Amino acid sequence: MSFTIADVAIQPGRLDPTNLLTPGQLAERLQVQVSFIYENTRARAGRRNSDPLPHIRMGKYLRFYWPEVEKWLERRQGGKHNE
């Protein structure tokens, strides 16, 4: 059994756990407040912004796949993003 996080299916045992981040870890890596992370993952973020922060919801927990966050940052580079 496999699951998809990014553009390709991830086989069990092949996912690098250092690429899965908590909201606090992502905030630290991006040097922003944790509130910025949560604000950009709320359901209403998609209504305000056509390109919200990519995340994985596991029940009440949020996790972020770093390669997808990097793609999101590239799209937003220079203040330009698809709205």
PDB file of N, CA and C in Angstrom:
ATOM      1  N   MET A   1       0.843  -1.172   0.000  1.00  0.00           N
ATOM      2  CA  MET A   1       0.000   0.000   0.000  1.00  0.00           C
ATOM      3  C   MET A   1       0.891   1.239   0.000  1.00  0.00           C
ATOM      4  N   SER A   2       0.492   2.246  -0.753  1.00  0.00           N
ATOM      5  CA  SER A   2       1.232   3.495  -0.794  1.00  0.00           C
ATOM      6  C   SER A   2       0.263   4.653  -0.604  1.00  0.00           C
ATOM      7  N   PHE A   3       0.796   5.836  -0.391  1.00  0.00           N
ATOM      8  CA  PHE A   3      -0.039   7.016  -0.291  1.00  0.00           C
ATOM      9  C   PHE A   3       0.652   8.158  -1.017  1.00  0.00           C
ATOM     10  N   THR A   4      -0.115   9.179  -1.365  1.00  0.00           N
ATOM     11  CA  THR A   4       0.423  10.287  -2.136  1.00  0.00           C
ATOM     12  C   THR A   4       0.505  11.530  -1.273  1.00  0.00           C
ATOM     13  N   ILE A   5       1.664  12.149  -1.224  1.00  0.00           N
ATOM     14  CA  ILE A   5       1.830  13.414  -0.527  1.00  0.00           C
ATOM     15  C   ILE A   5       2.117  14.512  -1.532  1.00  0.00           C
ATOM     16  N   ALA A   6       2.952  14.250  -2.475  1.00  0.00           N
ATOM     17  CA  ALA A   6       3.335  15.275  -3.435  1.00  0.00           C
ATOM     18  C   ALA A   6       2.872  14.838  -4.816  1.00  0.00           C
ATOM     19  N   ASP A   7       3.758  14.881  -5.754  1.00  0.00           N
ATOM     20  CA  ASP A   7       3.423  14.522  -7.129  1.00  0.00           C
ATOM     21  C   ASP A   7       3.489  13.031  -7.388  1.00  0.00           C
ATOM     22  N   VAL A   8       4.100  12.297  -6.471  1.00  0.00           N
ATOM     23  CA  VAL A   8       4.277  10.863  -6.669  1.00  0.00           C
ATOM     24  C   VAL A   8       3.824  10.107  -5.423  1.00  0.00           C
ATOM     25  N   ALA A   9       3.513   8.846  -5.621  1.00  0.00           N
ATOM     26  CA  ALA A   9       3.120   8.008  -4.490  1.00  0.00           C
ATOM     27  C   ALA A   9       4.350   7.711  -3.635  1.00  0.00           C
ATOM     28  N   ILE A  10       4.161   7.695  -2.338  1.00  0.00           N
ATOM     29  CA  ILE A  10       5.231   7.390  -1.393  1.00  0.00           C
ATOM     30  C   ILE A  10       5.013   5.965  -0.891  1.00  0.00           C
ATOM     31  N   GLN A  11       6.002   5.133  -1.022  1.00  0.00           N
ATOM     32  CA  GLN A  11       5.909   3.759  -0.540  1.00  0.00           C
ATOM     33  C   GLN A  11       6.204   3.728   0.959  1.00  0.00           C
ATOM     34  N   PRO A  12       5.535   2.875   1.722  1.00  0.00           N
ATOM     35  CA  PRO A  12       5.827   2.773   3.157  1.00  0.00           C
ATOM     36  C   PRO A  12       7.307   2.517   3.401  1.00  0.00           C
ATOM     37  N   GLY A  13       7.858   3.206   4.382  1.00  0.00           N
ATOM     38  CA  GLY A  13       9.262   3.058   4.712  1.00  0.00           C
ATOM     39  C   GLY A  13      10.191   3.913   3.877  1.00  0.00           C
ATOM     40  N   ARG A  14       9.670   4.612   2.887  1.00  0.00           N
ATOM     41  CA  ARG A  14      10.511   5.414   1.987  1.00  0.00           C
ATOM     42  C   ARG A  14      10.425   6.909   2.276  1.00  0.00           C
ATOM     43  N   LEU A  15       9.530   7.327   3.141  1.00  0.00           N
ATOM     44  CA  LEU A  15       9.348   8.739   3.447  1.00  0.00           C
ATOM     45  C   LEU A  15      10.403   9.178   4.457  1.00  0.00           C
ATOM     46  N   ASP A  16      11.133  10.210   4.132  1.00  0.00           N
ATOM     47  CA  ASP A  16      12.144  10.748   5.036  1.00  0.00           C
ATOM     48  C   ASP A  16      11.417  11.528   6.140  1.00  0.00           C
ATOM     49  N   PRO A  17      11.444  11.060   7.373  1.00  0.00           N
ATOM     50  CA  PRO A  17      10.691  11.720   8.437  1.00  0.00           C
ATOM     51  C   PRO A  17      11.149  13.146   8.714  1.00  0.00           C
ATOM     52  N   THR A  18      12.347  13.515   8.288  1.00  0.00           N
ATOM     53  CA  THR A  18      12.788  14.890   8.502  1.00  0.00           C
ATOM     54  C   THR A  18      12.045  15.871   7.598  1.00  0.00           C
ATOM     55  N   ASN A  19      11.332  15.366   6.588  1.00  0.00           N
ATOM     56  CA  ASN A  19      10.541  16.220   5.705  1.00  0.00           C
ATOM     57  C   ASN A  19       9.145  16.503   6.246  1.00  0.00           C
ATOM     58  N   LEU A  20       8.718  15.791   7.283  1.00  0.00           N
ATOM     59  CA  LEU A  20       7.413  16.041   7.904  1.00  0.00           C
ATOM     60  C   LEU A  20       7.615  16.955   9.098  1.00  0.00           C
ATOM     61  N   LEU A  21       6.958  18.105   9.071  1.00  0.00           N
ATOM     62  CA  LEU A  21       7.166  19.110  10.103  1.00  0.00           C
ATOM     63  C   LEU A  21       5.876  19.421  10.846  1.00  0.00           C
ATOM     64  N   THR A  22       6.001  19.735  12.122  1.00  0.00           N
ATOM     65  CA  THR A  22       4.880  20.235  12.915  1.00  0.00           C
ATOM     66  C   THR A  22       4.721  21.726  12.603  1.00  0.00           C
ATOM     67  N   PRO A  23       3.598  22.337  13.003  1.00  0.00           N
ATOM     68  CA  PRO A  23       3.451  23.780  12.801  1.00  0.00           C
ATOM     69  C   PRO A  23       4.588  24.580  13.450  1.00  0.00           C
ATOM     70  N   GLY A  24       5.013  24.194  14.637  1.00  0.00           N
ATOM     71  CA  GLY A  24       6.099  24.892  15.307  1.00  0.00           C
ATOM     72  C   GLY A  24       7.424  24.766  14.565  1.00  0.00           C
ATOM     73  N   GLN A  25       7.707  23.570  14.071  1.00  0.00           N
ATOM     74  CA  GLN A  25       8.947  23.358  13.319  1.00  0.00           C
ATOM     75  C   GLN A  25       8.943  24.156  12.019  1.00  0.00           C
ATOM     76  N   LEU A  26       7.793  24.180  11.341  1.00  0.00           N
ATOM     77  CA  LEU A  26       7.701  24.939  10.102  1.00  0.00           C
ATOM     78  C   LEU A  26       7.853  26.434  10.377  1.00  0.00           C
ATOM     79  N   ALA A  27       7.210  26.929  11.419  1.00  0.00           N
ATOM     80  CA  ALA A  27       7.326  28.345  11.767  1.00  0.00           C
ATOM     81  C   ALA A  27       8.785  28.705  12.039  1.00  0.00           C
ATOM     82  N   GLU A  28       9.472  27.845  12.746  1.00  0.00           N
ATOM     83  CA  GLU A  28      10.886  28.092  13.045  1.00  0.00           C
ATOM     84  C   GLU A  28      11.712  28.101  11.764  1.00  0.00           C
ATOM     85  N   ARG A  29      11.453  27.146  10.889  1.00  0.00           N
ATOM     86  CA  ARG A  29      12.221  27.051   9.644  1.00  0.00           C
ATOM     87  C   ARG A  29      11.966  28.265   8.748  1.00  0.00           C
ATOM     88  N   LEU A  30      10.709  28.757   8.740  1.00  0.00           N
ATOM     89  CA  LEU A  30      10.368  29.913   7.907  1.00  0.00           C
ATOM     90  C   LEU A  30      10.613  31.241   8.617  1.00  0.00           C
ATOM     91  N   GLN A  31      10.937  31.173   9.904  1.00  0.00           N
ATOM     92  CA  GLN A  31      11.164  32.359  10.733  1.00  0.00           C
ATOM     93  C   GLN A  31       9.938  33.271  10.764  1.00  0.00           C
ATOM     94  N   VAL A  32       8.793  32.642  11.046  1.00  0.00           N
ATOM     95  CA  VAL A  32       7.527  33.364  11.207  1.00  0.00           C
ATOM     96  C   VAL A  32       6.865  32.885  12.496  1.00  0.00           C
ATOM     97  N   GLN A  33       5.817  33.570  12.893  1.00  0.00           N
ATOM     98  CA  GLN A  33       5.058  33.166  14.072  1.00  0.00           C
ATOM     99  C   GLN A  33       4.207  31.934  13.745  1.00  0.00           C
ATOM    100  N   VAL A  34       3.963  31.103  14.739  1.00  0.00           N
ATOM    101  CA  VAL A  34       3.117  29.920  14.545  1.00  0.00           C
ATOM    102  C   VAL A  34       1.718  30.346  14.101  1.00  0.00           C
ATOM    103  N   SER A  35       1.252  31.503  14.561  1.00  0.00           N
ATOM    104  CA  SER A  35      -0.078  31.986  14.170  1.00  0.00           C
ATOM    105  C   SER A  35      -0.165  32.187  12.654  1.00  0.00           C
ATOM    106  N   PHE A  36       0.929  32.579  11.999  1.00  0.00           N
ATOM    107  CA  PHE A  36       0.947  32.717  10.540  1.00  0.00           C
ATOM    108  C   PHE A  36       0.689  31.363   9.885  1.00  0.00           C
ATOM    109  N   ILE A  37       1.309  30.329  10.420  1.00  0.00           N
ATOM    110  CA  ILE A  37       1.138  28.979   9.879  1.00  0.00           C
ATOM    111  C   ILE A  37      -0.321  28.553   9.984  1.00  0.00           C
ATOM    112  N   TYR A  38      -0.898  28.689  11.175  1.00  0.00           N
ATOM    113  CA  TYR A  38      -2.290  28.283  11.369  1.00  0.00           C
ATOM    114  C   TYR A  38      -3.243  29.115  10.509  1.00  0.00           C
ATOM    115  N   GLU A  39      -3.013  30.406  10.429  1.00  0.00           N
ATOM    116  CA  GLU A  39      -3.891  31.279   9.647  1.00  0.00           C
ATOM    117  C   GLU A  39      -3.899  30.881   8.176  1.00  0.00           C
ATOM    118  N   ASN A  40      -2.761  30.440   7.671  1.00  0.00           N
ATOM    119  CA  ASN A  40      -2.670  30.089   6.253  1.00  0.00           C
ATOM    120  C   ASN A  40      -3.056  28.646   5.956  1.00  0.00           C
ATOM    121  N   THR A  41      -3.552  27.921   6.959  1.00  0.00           N
ATOM    122  CA  THR A  41      -4.046  26.568   6.719  1.00  0.00           C
ATOM    123  C   THR A  41      -5.529  26.433   7.042  1.00  0.00           C
ATOM    124  N   ARG A  42      -6.126  27.464   7.593  1.00  0.00           N
ATOM    125  CA  ARG A  42      -7.559  27.395   7.912  1.00  0.00           C
ATOM    126  C   ARG A  42      -8.372  27.302   6.634  1.00  0.00           C
ATOM    127  N   ALA A  43      -9.569  26.744   6.745  1.00  0.00           N
ATOM    128  CA  ALA A  43     -10.431  26.566   5.571  1.00  0.00           C
ATOM    129  C   ALA A  43     -10.674  27.891   4.863  1.00  0.00           C
ATOM    130  N   ARG A  44     -10.821  28.961   5.611  1.00  0.00           N
ATOM    131  CA  ARG A  44     -11.095  30.255   4.984  1.00  0.00           C
ATOM    132  C   ARG A  44      -9.884  30.805   4.232  1.00  0.00           C
ATOM    133  N   ALA A  45      -8.697  30.286   4.508  1.00  0.00           N
ATOM    134  CA  ALA A  45      -7.502  30.743   3.786  1.00  0.00           C
ATOM    135  C   ALA A  45      -7.650  30.472   2.295  1.00  0.00           C
ATOM    136  N   GLY A  46      -8.294  29.378   1.936  1.00  0.00           N
ATOM    137  CA  GLY A  46      -8.506  29.050   0.531  1.00  0.00           C
ATOM    138  C   GLY A  46      -9.469  29.988  -0.165  1.00  0.00           C
ATOM    139  N   ARG A  47     -10.357  30.619   0.584  1.00  0.00           N
ATOM    140  CA  ARG A  47     -11.285  31.578  -0.007  1.00  0.00           C
ATOM    141  C   ARG A  47     -10.597  32.924  -0.242  1.00  0.00           C
ATOM    142  N   ARG A  48      -9.672  33.283   0.641  1.00  0.00           N
ATOM    143  CA  ARG A  48      -8.947  34.551   0.501  1.00  0.00           C
ATOM    144  C   ARG A  48      -7.788  34.423  -0.468  1.00  0.00           C
ATOM    145  N   ASN A  49      -7.227  33.237  -0.543  1.00  0.00           N
ATOM    146  CA  ASN A  49      -6.013  33.017  -1.308  1.00  0.00           C
ATOM    147  C   ASN A  49      -6.178  31.710  -2.076  1.00  0.00           C
ATOM    148  N   SER A  50      -5.995  31.768  -3.370  1.00  0.00           N
ATOM    149  CA  SER A  50      -6.171  30.553  -4.180  1.00  0.00           C
ATOM    150  C   SER A  50      -5.024  29.561  -4.002  1.00  0.00           C
ATOM    151  N   ASP A  51      -3.991  29.943  -3.265  1.00  0.00           N
ATOM    152  CA  ASP A  51      -2.832  29.071  -3.074  1.00  0.00           C
ATOM    153  C   ASP A  51      -2.452  29.029  -1.589  1.00  0.00           C
ATOM    154  N   PRO A  52      -3.297  28.401  -0.739  1.00  0.00           N
ATOM    155  CA  PRO A  52      -2.971  28.335   0.692  1.00  0.00           C
ATOM    156  C   PRO A  52      -1.777  27.428   0.963  1.00  0.00           C
ATOM    157  N   LEU A  53      -1.220  27.546   2.134  1.00  0.00           N
ATOM    158  CA  LEU A  53      -0.075  26.750   2.561  1.00  0.00           C
ATOM    159  C   LEU A  53      -0.432  25.256   2.510  1.00  0.00           C
ATOM    160  N   PRO A  54       0.315  24.435   1.760  1.00  0.00           N
ATOM    161  CA  PRO A  54      -0.014  23.007   1.661  1.00  0.00           C
ATOM    162  C   PRO A  54       0.248  22.294   2.991  1.00  0.00           C
ATOM    163  N   HIS A  55      -0.719  21.482   3.385  1.00  0.00           N
ATOM    164  CA  HIS A  55      -0.594  20.782   4.661  1.00  0.00           C
ATOM    165  C   HIS A  55      -1.306  19.444   4.603  1.00  0.00           C
ATOM    166  N   ILE A  56      -1.011  18.625   5.595  1.00  0.00           N
ATOM    167  CA  ILE A  56      -1.635  17.312   5.746  1.00  0.00           C
ATOM    168  C   ILE A  56      -2.379  17.345   7.066  1.00  0.00           C
ATOM    169  N   ARG A  57      -3.655  17.071   7.046  1.00  0.00           N
ATOM    170  CA  ARG A  57      -4.440  17.040   8.274  1.00  0.00           C
ATOM    171  C   ARG A  57      -4.619  15.585   8.692  1.00  0.00           C
ATOM    172  N   MET A  58      -4.195  15.297   9.929  1.00  0.00           N
ATOM    173  CA  MET A  58      -4.332  13.949  10.488  1.00  0.00           C
ATOM    174  C   MET A  58      -5.169  14.095  11.761  1.00  0.00           C
ATOM    175  N   GLY A  59      -6.472  14.049  11.583  1.00  0.00           N
ATOM    176  CA  GLY A  59      -7.345  14.307  12.722  1.00  0.00           C
ATOM    177  C   GLY A  59      -7.169  15.743  13.158  1.00  0.00           C
ATOM    178  N   LYS A  60      -6.824  15.953  14.416  1.00  0.00           N
ATOM    179  CA  LYS A  60      -6.624  17.321  14.908  1.00  0.00           C
ATOM    180  C   LYS A  60      -5.204  17.830  14.680  1.00  0.00           C
ATOM    181  N   TYR A  61      -4.344  16.988  14.126  1.00  0.00           N
ATOM    182  CA  TYR A  61      -2.943  17.356  13.939  1.00  0.00           C
ATOM    183  C   TYR A  61      -2.673  17.843  12.521  1.00  0.00           C
ATOM    184  N   LEU A  62      -1.804  18.838  12.410  1.00  0.00           N
ATOM    185  CA  LEU A  62      -1.351  19.327  11.116  1.00  0.00           C
ATOM    186  C   LEU A  62       0.109  18.942  10.935  1.00  0.00           C
ATOM    187  N   ARG A  63       0.441  18.531   9.737  1.00  0.00           N
ATOM    188  CA  ARG A  63       1.827  18.274   9.394  1.00  0.00           C
ATOM    189  C   ARG A  63       2.081  18.900   8.027  1.00  0.00           C
ATOM    190  N   PHE A  64       3.334  19.200   7.780  1.00  0.00           N
ATOM    191  CA  PHE A  64       3.730  19.862   6.552  1.00  0.00           C
ATOM    192  C   PHE A  64       4.842  19.061   5.908  1.00  0.00           C
ATOM    193  N   TYR A  65       4.714  18.830   4.616  1.00  0.00           N
ATOM    194  CA  TYR A  65       5.707  18.093   3.855  1.00  0.00           C
ATOM    195  C   TYR A  65       6.632  19.128   3.218  1.00  0.00           C
ATOM    196  N   TRP A  66       7.855  19.200   3.692  1.00  0.00           N
ATOM    197  CA  TRP A  66       8.772  20.266   3.312  1.00  0.00           C
ATOM    198  C   TRP A  66       8.933  20.445   1.805  1.00  0.00           C
ATOM    199  N   PRO A  67       9.064  19.386   0.991  1.00  0.00           N
ATOM    200  CA  PRO A  67       9.183  19.614  -0.458  1.00  0.00           C
ATOM    201  C   PRO A  67       7.986  20.370  -1.046  1.00  0.00           C
ATOM    202  N   GLU A  68       6.796  20.135  -0.526  1.00  0.00           N
ATOM    203  CA  GLU A  68       5.615  20.859  -1.011  1.00  0.00           C
ATOM    204  C   GLU A  68       5.631  22.310  -0.536  1.00  0.00           C
ATOM    205  N   VAL A  69       6.105  22.546   0.680  1.00  0.00           N
ATOM    206  CA  VAL A  69       6.215  23.913   1.190  1.00  0.00           C
ATOM    207  C   VAL A  69       7.229  24.691   0.352  1.00  0.00           C
ATOM    208  N   GLU A  70       8.316  24.042  -0.033  1.00  0.00           N
ATOM    209  CA  GLU A  70       9.309  24.704  -0.888  1.00  0.00           C
ATOM    210  C   GLU A  70       8.687  25.122  -2.220  1.00  0.00           C
ATOM    211  N   LYS A  71       7.860  24.257  -2.803  1.00  0.00           N
ATOM    212  CA  LYS A  71       7.176  24.608  -4.055  1.00  0.00           C
ATOM    213  C   LYS A  71       6.263  25.799  -3.842  1.00  0.00           C
ATOM    214  N   TRP A  72       5.559  25.830  -2.702  1.00  0.00           N
ATOM    215  CA  TRP A  72       4.672  26.938  -2.361  1.00  0.00           C
ATOM    216  C   TRP A  72       5.470  28.231  -2.245  1.00  0.00           C
ATOM    217  N   LEU A  73       6.624  28.169  -1.598  1.00  0.00           N
ATOM    218  CA  LEU A  73       7.475  29.351  -1.460  1.00  0.00           C
ATOM    219  C   LEU A  73       7.957  29.846  -2.824  1.00  0.00           C
ATOM    220  N   GLU A  74       8.318  28.934  -3.706  1.00  0.00           N
ATOM    221  CA  GLU A  74       8.751  29.320  -5.055  1.00  0.00           C
ATOM    222  C   GLU A  74       7.638  30.053  -5.796  1.00  0.00           C
ATOM    223  N   ARG A  75       6.389  29.562  -5.659  1.00  0.00           N
ATOM    224  CA  ARG A  75       5.257  30.208  -6.325  1.00  0.00           C
ATOM    225  C   ARG A  75       5.028  31.614  -5.786  1.00  0.00           C
ATOM    226  N   ARG A  76       5.340  31.832  -4.536  1.00  0.00           N
ATOM    227  CA  ARG A  76       5.094  33.119  -3.893  1.00  0.00           C
ATOM    228  C   ARG A  76       6.303  34.057  -3.962  1.00  0.00           C
ATOM    229  N   GLN A  77       7.374  33.597  -4.531  1.00  0.00           N
ATOM    230  CA  GLN A  77       8.613  34.375  -4.599  1.00  0.00           C
ATOM    231  C   GLN A  77       8.353  35.748  -5.210  1.00  0.00           C
ATOM    232  N   GLY A  78       8.902  36.751  -4.590  1.00  0.00           N
ATOM    233  CA  GLY A  78       8.747  38.116  -5.108  1.00  0.00           C
ATOM    234  C   GLY A  78       7.378  38.703  -4.832  1.00  0.00           C
ATOM    235  N   GLY A  79       6.613  38.075  -3.940  1.00  0.00           N
ATOM    236  CA  GLY A  79       5.290  38.601  -3.613  1.00  0.00           C
ATOM    237  C   GLY A  79       4.223  38.270  -4.635  1.00  0.00           C
ATOM    238  N   LYS A  80       4.587  37.502  -5.646  1.00  0.00           N
ATOM    239  CA  LYS A  80       3.615  37.128  -6.689  1.00  0.00           C
ATOM    240  C   LYS A  80       3.060  35.752  -6.376  1.00  0.00           C
ATOM    241  N   HIS A  81       1.753  35.633  -6.420  1.00  0.00           N
ATOM    242  CA  HIS A  81       1.123  34.328  -6.305  1.00  0.00           C
ATOM    243  C   HIS A  81      -0.206  34.367  -7.019  1.00  0.00           C
ATOM    244  N   ASN A  82      -0.693  33.200  -7.360  1.00  0.00           N
ATOM    245  CA  ASN A  82      -1.937  33.080  -8.125  1.00  0.00           C
ATOM    246  C   ASN A  82      -3.112  33.360  -7.213  1.00  0.00           C
ATOM    247  N   GLU A  83      -3.783  34.465  -7.480  1.00  0.00           N
ATOM    248  CA  GLU A  83      -4.993  34.771  -6.702  1.00  0.00           C
ATOM    249  C   GLU A  83      -6.148  34.923  -7.635  1.00  0.00           C
TER     250      GLU A  83
END
